[in-house]
Structure formats: structure tokens, C-alpha cells
């Protein structure tokens, strides 16, 4: 079982669900469990797919793709979400294209010590991500000012905010429904 609730397969889909499944298909042609978990409510699958693509795969994003995936992985670590972590850390590692660097980053993030391998704007964004994930009610203008003092512009602040918010949303969806990677192709960049 790959979730604690019923998930409909393509063979059980009516026209509305089939359209949502087609929209949610990965580059591998599959529908991952993160999306299939919405199969009883296709409208939320369509919304999730649109949000996911806007946050992580839009051409107007300016943060490097490896860092977007690293931010999402860090939030998933903080939320203890094995599903998102498996997928997005595989993506970050692939995009870094440096196993030694990826190992050092993973070790630092798991220890909640990003300062071991990051500095400047990247570190400031990871600190922001951690606070927004673990203490959202304590966010203050000073948190944004700290990012700006490291040279982070408003567009990158918004991108980071949306990545963090998205992963907090999806981590809670996945953990709350017991969704696993069973049967998925793990990682957006996975080879067939």
C-alpha cells in the first residue's frame, strides 16, 4: 500500500480524473503517489500540479535549480518527510553534480548546521527556511532585512518563501496520508 487512503489507478479514472492525471504526469510518463493521493478529488490534483510547477519548474525562477531543490530538501528534513526528501534530495544531488559536495551538504543539513557548508546569501536563505518551517508565528521584518543585508533581492525572497511554503504544504499532505514512494520513479531527473 502506498497511502493510507484509496488512490485510483488510471483504469478507474473518469474523464475529469483522467485529465488531472494527464496534467500530473512526470517526464517519465508516470503519476507519482504525491499526485495520485489526490485522485479522489481531481481539482486538488490540478491545483497541486500547477503550484509544484510554478514553484520549482518555472523559467522565471532565478534561484539555481540545485539550490531550490536543496531548500525543499531542508524543509523536508525539518518536517521528517521521507517522501519529499527522497525525491528532492535525489534532484539536488543530481543538479550539484559533485558527490563530495552533496555529501557535505546533506550531512550539514541533517545536523541542522548549514553554516558548515554555506555562507552569505545561501546561508541566510536556509536560516529563513528553517525559521519559517519551525516557528512561522515568530517571523518578523528583521528576517527579511537579514536576507536583504546579504544581497538577496525581493524576487529571490519570494521564490524562497514559496518553496518553503510549498514544501510545508506537501510534507503535511504526504505525512498526513501516509504516502510512500512505493511504485514511484524517485527523482525528477531519474533515469528510466
Foldseek 3Di string as FASTA:
>chain_A
DQWQDDFDDCVPDDPLLVVLQCLQAAPVRHHFLLLSVCSVPSVVSNVLSVLVCVLQPDPPQDDPNLLLLLLLLLLCLLLVQVASNQQSLVQNCVSVVDNVLSVQCVVCSNVVNNVVNDDFLSVLLSVLLNCCNPPVVPDDVVSVVSNVVSVDDPSNVVSSVSSSVSSSVSSCVCVVTVGDRVPHQGYSPGDD
